[in-house]
Amino acid sequence: NLDLKPEVAYSIKAGADWHDAERQNWQLRVTPFYTYVK
């Protein structure tokens, strides 16, 4: 399609990382995201 326009994406992403001080014993990482593509 010669008339295609460029894609434009608006994204927001967050991350929470809980862990022990040395990052050896335990870790939990949660990362939600949202993207709107015009």
All heavy atoms as atom14 arrays in JSON, in Angstrom:
{
  "sequence": "NLDLKPEVAYSIKAGADWHDAERQNWQLRVTPFYTYVK",
  "atom14_mask": [
    [1, 1, 1, 1, 1, 1, 1, 1, 0, 0, 0, 0, 0, 0],
    [1, 1, 1, 1, 1, 1, 1, 1, 0, 0, 0, 0, 0, 0],
    [1, 1, 1, 1, 1, 1, 1, 1, 0, 0, 0, 0, 0, 0],
    [1, 1, 1, 1, 1, 1, 1, 1, 0, 0, 0, 0, 0, 0],
    [1, 1, 1, 1, 1, 1, 1, 1, 1, 0, 0, 0, 0, 0],
    [1, 1, 1, 1, 1, 1, 1, 0, 0, 0, 0, 0, 0, 0],
    [1, 1, 1, 1, 1, 1, 1, 1, 1, 0, 0, 0, 0, 0],
    [1, 1, 1, 1, 1, 1, 1, 0, 0, 0, 0, 0, 0, 0],
    [1, 1, 1, 1, 1, 0, 0, 0, 0, 0, 0, 0, 0, 0],
    [1, 1, 1, 1, 1, 1, 1, 1, 1, 1, 1, 1, 0, 0],
    [1, 1, 1, 1, 1, 1, 0, 0, 0, 0, 0, 0, 0, 0],
    [1, 1, 1, 1, 1, 1, 1, 1, 0, 0, 0, 0, 0, 0],
    [1, 1, 1, 1, 1, 1, 1, 1, 1, 0, 0, 0, 0, 0],
    [1, 1, 1, 1, 1, 0, 0, 0, 0, 0, 0, 0, 0, 0],
    [1, 1, 1, 1, 0, 0, 0, 0, 0, 0, 0, 0, 0, 0],
    [1, 1, 1, 1, 1, 0, 0, 0, 0, 0, 0, 0, 0, 0],
    [1, 1, 1, 1, 1, 1, 1, 1, 0, 0, 0, 0, 0, 0],
    [1, 1, 1, 1, 1, 1, 1, 1, 1, 1, 1, 1, 1, 1],
    [1, 1, 1, 1, 1, 1, 1, 1, 1, 1, 0, 0, 0, 0],
    [1, 1, 1, 1, 1, 1, 1, 1, 0, 0, 0, 0, 0, 0],
    [1, 1, 1, 1, 1, 0, 0, 0, 0, 0, 0, 0, 0, 0],
    [1, 1, 1, 1, 1, 1, 1, 1, 1, 0, 0, 0, 0, 0],
    [1, 1, 1, 1, 1, 1, 1, 1, 1, 1, 1, 0, 0, 0],
    [1, 1, 1, 1, 1, 1, 1, 1, 1, 0, 0, 0, 0, 0],
    [1, 1, 1, 1, 1, 1, 1, 1, 0, 0, 0, 0, 0, 0],
    [1, 1, 1, 1, 1, 1, 1, 1, 1, 1, 1, 1, 1, 1],
    [1, 1, 1, 1, 1, 1, 1, 1, 1, 0, 0, 0, 0, 0],
    [1, 1, 1, 1, 1, 1, 1, 1, 0, 0, 0, 0, 0, 0],
    [1, 1, 1, 1, 1, 1, 1, 1, 1, 1, 1, 0, 0, 0],
    [1, 1, 1, 1, 1, 1, 1, 0, 0, 0, 0, 0, 0, 0],
    [1, 1, 1, 1, 1, 1, 1, 0, 0, 0, 0, 0, 0, 0],
    [1, 1, 1, 1, 1, 1, 1, 0, 0, 0, 0, 0, 0, 0],
    [1, 1, 1, 1, 1, 1, 1, 1, 1, 1, 1, 0, 0, 0],
    [1, 1, 1, 1, 1, 1, 1, 1, 1, 1, 1, 1, 0, 0],
    [1, 1, 1, 1, 1, 1, 1, 0, 0, 0, 0, 0, 0, 0],
    [1, 1, 1, 1, 1, 1, 1, 1, 1, 1, 1, 1, 0, 0],
    [1, 1, 1, 1, 1, 1, 1, 0, 0, 0, 0, 0, 0, 0],
    [1, 1, 1, 1, 1, 1, 1, 1, 1, 0, 0, 0, 0, 0]
  ],
  "atom14_positions": [
    [[0.86, -1.19, 0.0], [0.0, 0.0, 0.0], [0.89, 1.24, 0.0], [1.58, 1.52, 0.98], [-0.9, -0.02, 1.24], [-1.87, 1.13, 1.29], [-1.78, 2.08, 0.51], [-2.81, 1.07, 2.21], [0.0, 0.0, 0.0], [0.0, 0.0, 0.0], [0.0, 0.0, 0.0], [0.0, 0.0, 0.0], [0.0, 0.0, 0.0], [0.0, 0.0, 0.0]],
    [[0.88, 1.97, -1.1], [1.69, 3.18, -1.22], [1.3, 4.26, -0.22], [2.08, 5.18, 0.05], [1.57, 3.74, -2.64], [2.41, 3.06, -3.72], [1.91, 3.45, -5.1], [3.86, 3.42, -3.56], [0.0, 0.0, 0.0], [0.0, 0.0, 0.0], [0.0, 0.0, 0.0], [0.0, 0.0, 0.0], [0.0, 0.0, 0.0], [0.0, 0.0, 0.0]],
    [[0.11, 4.18, 0.33], [-0.39, 5.23, 1.22], [-0.21, 4.92, 2.7], [-0.77, 5.61, 3.56], [-1.88, 5.48, 0.93], [-2.12, 5.97, -0.49], [-1.32, 6.81, -0.96], [-3.07, 5.49, -1.15], [0.0, 0.0, 0.0], [0.0, 0.0, 0.0], [0.0, 0.0, 0.0], [0.0, 0.0, 0.0], [0.0, 0.0, 0.0], [0.0, 0.0, 0.0]],
    [[0.56, 3.88, 3.02], [0.78, 3.56, 4.43], [1.49, 4.69, 5.16], [2.38, 5.34, 4.62], [1.63, 2.29, 4.56], [0.96, 0.95, 4.27], [1.98, -0.18, 4.38], [-0.22, 0.7, 5.2], [0.0, 0.0, 0.0], [0.0, 0.0, 0.0], [0.0, 0.0, 0.0], [0.0, 0.0, 0.0], [0.0, 0.0, 0.0], [0.0, 0.0, 0.0]],
    [[1.1, 4.89, 6.41], [1.75, 5.86, 7.29], [2.71, 5.13, 8.24], [2.54, 3.93, 8.49], [0.71, 6.62, 8.1], [-0.31, 7.38, 7.27], [-1.38, 8.0, 8.17], [-2.46, 8.68, 7.35], [-3.53, 9.22, 8.23], [0.0, 0.0, 0.0], [0.0, 0.0, 0.0], [0.0, 0.0, 0.0], [0.0, 0.0, 0.0], [0.0, 0.0, 0.0]],
    [[3.69, 5.82, 8.79], [4.54, 5.2, 9.81], [3.74, 4.83, 11.05], [2.75, 5.49, 11.41], [5.57, 6.29, 10.13], [5.56, 7.2, 8.95], [4.14, 7.18, 8.44], [0.0, 0.0, 0.0], [0.0, 0.0, 0.0], [0.0, 0.0, 0.0], [0.0, 0.0, 0.0], [0.0, 0.0, 0.0], [0.0, 0.0, 0.0], [0.0, 0.0, 0.0]],
    [[4.17, 3.76, 11.71], [3.59, 3.38, 13.0], [4.19, 4.25, 14.11], [5.4, 4.48, 14.12], [3.89, 1.91, 13.32], [3.31, 0.93, 12.33], [3.72, -0.5, 12.63], [4.86, -0.71, 13.08], [2.9, -1.41, 12.42], [0.0, 0.0, 0.0], [0.0, 0.0, 0.0], [0.0, 0.0, 0.0], [0.0, 0.0, 0.0], [0.0, 0.0, 0.0]],
    [[3.36, 4.69, 15.03], [3.83, 5.46, 16.19], [3.31, 4.78, 17.45], [2.11, 4.64, 17.63], [3.35, 6.92, 16.15], [3.89, 7.68, 17.36], [3.8, 7.61, 14.85], [0.0, 0.0, 0.0], [0.0, 0.0, 0.0], [0.0, 0.0, 0.0], [0.0, 0.0, 0.0], [0.0, 0.0, 0.0], [0.0, 0.0, 0.0], [0.0, 0.0, 0.0]],
    [[4.24, 4.34, 18.31], [3.87, 3.6, 19.52], [4.15, 4.44, 20.75], [5.24, 5.0, 20.92], [4.65, 2.3, 19.6], [0.0, 0.0, 0.0], [0.0, 0.0, 0.0], [0.0, 0.0, 0.0], [0.0, 0.0, 0.0], [0.0, 0.0, 0.0], [0.0, 0.0, 0.0], [0.0, 0.0, 0.0], [0.0, 0.0, 0.0], [0.0, 0.0, 0.0]],
    [[3.16, 4.53, 21.62], [3.3, 5.2, 22.92], [3.27, 4.11, 23.98], [2.27, 3.4, 24.14], [2.16, 6.19, 23.14], [2.09, 7.28, 22.1], [1.35, 7.09, 20.92], [2.76, 8.49, 22.27], [1.28, 8.09, 19.95], [2.7, 9.48, 21.31], [1.96, 9.28, 20.15], [1.91, 10.27, 19.2], [0.0, 0.0, 0.0], [0.0, 0.0, 0.0]],
    [[4.37, 3.96, 24.69], [4.5, 2.84, 25.65], [4.8, 3.36, 27.04], [5.55, 4.33, 27.21], [5.63, 1.89, 25.22], [5.38, 1.33, 23.96], [0.0, 0.0, 0.0], [0.0, 0.0, 0.0], [0.0, 0.0, 0.0], [0.0, 0.0, 0.0], [0.0, 0.0, 0.0], [0.0, 0.0, 0.0], [0.0, 0.0, 0.0], [0.0, 0.0, 0.0]],
    [[4.23, 2.69, 28.02], [4.58, 2.94, 29.41], [4.81, 1.58, 30.06], [4.09, 0.6, 29.8], [3.48, 3.73, 30.16], [3.96, 4.08, 31.57], [2.16, 3.0, 30.17], [3.1, 5.1, 32.27], [0.0, 0.0, 0.0], [0.0, 0.0, 0.0], [0.0, 0.0, 0.0], [0.0, 0.0, 0.0], [0.0, 0.0, 0.0], [0.0, 0.0, 0.0]],
    [[5.86, 1.53, 30.87], [6.24, 0.27, 31.49], [6.78, 0.55, 32.88], [7.46, 1.55, 33.1], [7.31, -0.42, 30.64], [7.56, -1.89, 30.99], [8.37, -2.56, 29.9], [8.41, -4.07, 30.09], [9.11, -4.76, 28.99], [0.0, 0.0, 0.0], [0.0, 0.0, 0.0], [0.0, 0.0, 0.0], [0.0, 0.0, 0.0], [0.0, 0.0, 0.0]],
    [[6.44, -0.32, 33.81], [6.91, -0.16, 35.19], [7.52, -1.48, 35.64], [7.21, -2.55, 35.11], [5.77, 0.25, 36.11], [0.0, 0.0, 0.0], [0.0, 0.0, 0.0], [0.0, 0.0, 0.0], [0.0, 0.0, 0.0], [0.0, 0.0, 0.0], [0.0, 0.0, 0.0], [0.0, 0.0, 0.0], [0.0, 0.0, 0.0], [0.0, 0.0, 0.0]],
    [[8.38, -1.39, 36.63], [9.01, -2.6, 37.16], [9.25, -2.48, 38.65], [9.71, -1.43, 39.13], [0.0, 0.0, 0.0], [0.0, 0.0, 0.0], [0.0, 0.0, 0.0], [0.0, 0.0, 0.0], [0.0, 0.0, 0.0], [0.0, 0.0, 0.0], [0.0, 0.0, 0.0], [0.0, 0.0, 0.0], [0.0, 0.0, 0.0], [0.0, 0.0, 0.0]],
    [[8.92, -3.52, 39.38], [9.22, -3.6, 40.81], [10.07, -4.84, 41.04], [9.72, -5.93, 40.62], [7.93, -3.68, 41.63], [0.0, 0.0, 0.0], [0.0, 0.0, 0.0], [0.0, 0.0, 0.0], [0.0, 0.0, 0.0], [0.0, 0.0, 0.0], [0.0, 0.0, 0.0], [0.0, 0.0, 0.0], [0.0, 0.0, 0.0], [0.0, 0.0, 0.0]],
    [[11.21, -4.65, 41.68], [12.18, -5.73, 41.9], [12.49, -5.82, 43.38], [13.1, -4.93, 43.96], [13.45, -5.42, 41.1], [14.43, -6.59, 41.1], [14.24, -7.52, 41.9], [15.37, -6.57, 40.29], [0.0, 0.0, 0.0], [0.0, 0.0, 0.0], [0.0, 0.0, 0.0], [0.0, 0.0, 0.0], [0.0, 0.0, 0.0], [0.0, 0.0, 0.0]],
    [[12.01, -6.92, 44.0], [12.29, -7.16, 45.42], [13.3, -8.32, 45.51], [13.17, -9.32, 44.8], [11.0, -7.53, 46.15], [9.97, -6.43, 46.08], [9.94, -5.26, 46.78], [8.79, -6.42, 45.26], [8.84, -4.52, 46.46], [8.11, -5.2, 45.52], [8.24, -7.29, 44.32], [6.92, -4.85, 44.89], [7.06, -6.96, 43.68], [6.41, -5.75, 43.98]],
    [[14.27, -8.19, 46.41], [15.35, -9.16, 46.45], [16.11, -9.04, 47.78], [15.97, -8.04, 48.49], [16.32, -8.91, 45.3], [16.7, -7.47, 45.17], [16.04, -6.62, 44.31], [17.63, -6.7, 45.8], [16.55, -5.39, 44.42], [17.53, -5.42, 45.32], [0.0, 0.0, 0.0], [0.0, 0.0, 0.0], [0.0, 0.0, 0.0], [0.0, 0.0, 0.0]],
    [[16.9, -10.07, 48.07], [17.79, -9.95, 49.22], [18.95, -9.04, 48.85], [19.19, -8.73, 47.67], [18.3, -11.33, 49.66], [19.2, -11.96, 48.62], [18.69, -12.38, 47.55], [20.42, -12.03, 48.86], [0.0, 0.0, 0.0], [0.0, 0.0, 0.0], [0.0, 0.0, 0.0], [0.0, 0.0, 0.0], [0.0, 0.0, 0.0], [0.0, 0.0, 0.0]],
    [[19.7, -8.59, 49.83], [20.73, -7.58, 49.61], [21.8, -8.05, 48.62], [22.32, -7.25, 47.83], [21.38, -7.18, 50.93], [0.0, 0.0, 0.0], [0.0, 0.0, 0.0], [0.0, 0.0, 0.0], [0.0, 0.0, 0.0], [0.0, 0.0, 0.0], [0.0, 0.0, 0.0], [0.0, 0.0, 0.0], [0.0, 0.0, 0.0], [0.0, 0.0, 0.0]],
    [[22.14, -9.33, 48.62], [23.18, -9.85, 47.73], [22.62, -10.39, 46.43], [23.36, -10.84, 45.56], [23.97, -10.96, 48.43], [24.88, -10.48, 49.55], [24.09, -10.12, 50.8], [23.02, -10.74, 51.03], [24.54, -9.21, 51.53], [0.0, 0.0, 0.0], [0.0, 0.0, 0.0], [0.0, 0.0, 0.0], [0.0, 0.0, 0.0], [0.0, 0.0, 0.0]],
    [[21.31, -10.4, 46.28], [20.63, -10.96, 45.11], [21.02, -12.42, 44.86], [21.16, -12.86, 43.72], [20.94, -10.14, 43.86], [20.42, -8.72, 43.91], [20.83, -7.95, 42.67], [20.3, -6.59, 42.68], [19.15, -6.21, 42.14], [18.4, -7.11, 41.56], [18.76, -4.95, 42.2], [0.0, 0.0, 0.0], [0.0, 0.0, 0.0], [0.0, 0.0, 0.0]],
    [[21.22, -13.14, 45.91], [21.59, -14.54, 45.81], [20.52, -15.47, 46.36], [20.3, -16.55, 45.84], [22.9, -14.79, 46.58], [24.1, -14.03, 46.04], [24.48, -14.47, 44.64], [24.42, -15.65, 44.32], [24.84, -13.51, 43.81], [0.0, 0.0, 0.0], [0.0, 0.0, 0.0], [0.0, 0.0, 0.0], [0.0, 0.0, 0.0], [0.0, 0.0, 0.0]],
    [[19.83, -15.05, 47.41], [18.89, -15.94, 48.1], [17.5, -15.95, 47.46], [16.89, -17.0, 47.3], [18.79, -15.54, 49.58], [17.95, -16.51, 50.37], [16.73, -16.37, 50.47], [18.6, -17.5, 50.96], [0.0, 0.0, 0.0], [0.0, 0.0, 0.0], [0.0, 0.0, 0.0], [0.0, 0.0, 0.0], [0.0, 0.0, 0.0], [0.0, 0.0, 0.0]],
    [[16.99, -14.77, 47.1], [15.65, -14.72, 46.53], [15.47, -13.44, 45.71], [16.19, -12.46, 45.9], [14.57, -14.79, 47.62], [14.58, -13.59, 48.55], [15.35, -13.4, 49.65], [13.77, -12.4, 48.42], [15.09, -12.19, 50.23], [14.12, -11.54, 49.5], [12.8, -11.98, 47.51], [13.52, -10.31, 49.69], [12.2, -10.74, 47.7], [12.56, -9.92, 48.78]],
    [[14.49, -13.47, 44.81], [14.17, -12.31, 43.99], [12.78, -12.46, 43.39], [12.36, -13.57, 43.03], [15.19, -12.12, 42.86], [14.95, -10.88, 42.02], [15.98, -10.71, 40.91], [16.52, -11.69, 40.41], [16.26, -9.48, 40.54], [0.0, 0.0, 0.0], [0.0, 0.0, 0.0], [0.0, 0.0, 0.0], [0.0, 0.0, 0.0], [0.0, 0.0, 0.0]],
    [[12.05, -11.36, 43.3], [10.75, -11.32, 42.63], [10.69, -10.05, 41.81], [10.93, -8.95, 42.33], [9.6, -11.34, 43.64], [8.19, -11.19, 43.04], [7.86, -12.36, 42.13], [7.15, -11.05, 44.15], [0.0, 0.0, 0.0], [0.0, 0.0, 0.0], [0.0, 0.0, 0.0], [0.0, 0.0, 0.0], [0.0, 0.0, 0.0], [0.0, 0.0, 0.0]],
    [[10.38, -10.19, 40.53], [10.33, -9.06, 39.61], [8.97, -9.06, 38.91], [8.55, -10.07, 38.34], [11.45, -9.18, 38.58], [11.41, -8.15, 37.47], [12.06, -6.86, 37.87], [12.13, -5.92, 36.75], [12.52, -4.67, 36.87], [12.9, -4.21, 38.05], [12.55, -3.86, 35.83], [0.0, 0.0, 0.0], [0.0, 0.0, 0.0], [0.0, 0.0, 0.0]],
    [[8.26, -7.92, 38.95], [6.95, -7.77, 38.3], [7.02, -6.57, 37.36], [7.4, -5.47, 37.79], [5.83, -7.58, 39.33], [4.48, -7.43, 38.62], [5.79, -8.75, 40.32], [0.0, 0.0, 0.0], [0.0, 0.0, 0.0], [0.0, 0.0, 0.0], [0.0, 0.0, 0.0], [0.0, 0.0, 0.0], [0.0, 0.0, 0.0], [0.0, 0.0, 0.0]],
    [[6.65, -6.77, 36.08], [6.78, -5.71, 35.08], [5.52, -5.64, 34.22], [5.39, -6.37, 33.23], [8.0, -5.96, 34.18], [9.15, -6.18, 34.98], [8.25, -4.77, 33.27], [0.0, 0.0, 0.0], [0.0, 0.0, 0.0], [0.0, 0.0, 0.0], [0.0, 0.0, 0.0], [0.0, 0.0, 0.0], [0.0, 0.0, 0.0], [0.0, 0.0, 0.0]],
    [[4.57, -4.77, 34.56], [3.41, -4.56, 33.69], [3.76, -3.56, 32.59], [4.66, -2.73, 32.74], [2.36, -3.99, 34.64], [3.16, -3.28, 35.69], [4.45, -4.05, 35.84], [0.0, 0.0, 0.0], [0.0, 0.0, 0.0], [0.0, 0.0, 0.0], [0.0, 0.0, 0.0], [0.0, 0.0, 0.0], [0.0, 0.0, 0.0], [0.0, 0.0, 0.0]],
    [[3.04, -3.62, 31.46], [3.3, -2.7, 30.34], [2.01, -2.41, 29.59], [1.04, -3.17, 29.63], [4.32, -3.31, 29.38], [3.86, -4.57, 28.69], [3.2, -4.53, 27.48], [4.1, -5.81, 29.28], [2.75, -5.69, 26.86], [3.66, -6.98, 28.66], [2.99, -6.92, 27.44], [0.0, 0.0, 0.0], [0.0, 0.0, 0.0], [0.0, 0.0, 0.0]],
    [[2.02, -1.28, 28.89], [0.9, -0.89, 28.02], [1.46, -0.12, 26.83], [2.3, 0.78, 27.0], [-0.12, -0.02, 28.76], [-1.22, 0.49, 27.86], [-2.32, -0.29, 27.56], [-1.14, 1.76, 27.27], [-3.33, 0.16, 26.72], [-2.14, 2.23, 26.42], [-3.22, 1.42, 26.16], [-4.22, 1.87, 25.31], [0.0, 0.0, 0.0], [0.0, 0.0, 0.0]],
    [[1.03, -0.46, 25.62], [1.45, 0.22, 24.4], [0.24, 0.53, 23.53], [-0.58, -0.36, 23.27], [2.44, -0.65, 23.59], [3.63, -0.84, 24.35], [2.82, 0.03, 22.28], [0.0, 0.0, 0.0], [0.0, 0.0, 0.0], [0.0, 0.0, 0.0], [0.0, 0.0, 0.0], [0.0, 0.0, 0.0], [0.0, 0.0, 0.0], [0.0, 0.0, 0.0]],
    [[0.14, 1.77, 23.1], [-0.88, 2.18, 22.13], [-0.16, 2.52, 20.84], [0.75, 3.36, 20.82], [-1.66, 3.39, 22.62], [-2.81, 3.78, 21.71], [-4.07, 3.24, 21.91], [-2.62, 4.66, 20.64], [-5.13, 3.57, 21.07], [-3.67, 5.0, 19.8], [-4.91, 4.45, 20.02], [-5.96, 4.77, 19.18], [0.0, 0.0, 0.0], [0.0, 0.0, 0.0]],
    [[-0.54, 1.85, 19.75], [0.12, 2.06, 18.47], [-0.83, 2.77, 17.52], [-1.88, 2.22, 17.14], [0.58, 0.74, 17.83], [1.38, 1.03, 16.56], [1.41, -0.08, 18.81], [0.0, 0.0, 0.0], [0.0, 0.0, 0.0], [0.0, 0.0, 0.0], [0.0, 0.0, 0.0], [0.0, 0.0, 0.0], [0.0, 0.0, 0.0], [0.0, 0.0, 0.0]],
    [[-0.49, 4.0, 17.17], [-1.26, 4.73, 16.18], [-0.77, 4.33, 14.79], [0.43, 4.28, 14.53], [-1.1, 6.24, 16.38], [-1.91, 7.09, 15.4], [-1.85, 8.56, 15.75], [-2.58, 9.4, 14.71], [-3.98, 8.97, 14.54], [0.0, 0.0, 0.0], [0.0, 0.0, 0.0], [0.0, 0.0, 0.0], [0.0, 0.0, 0.0], [0.0, 0.0, 0.0]]
  ]
}
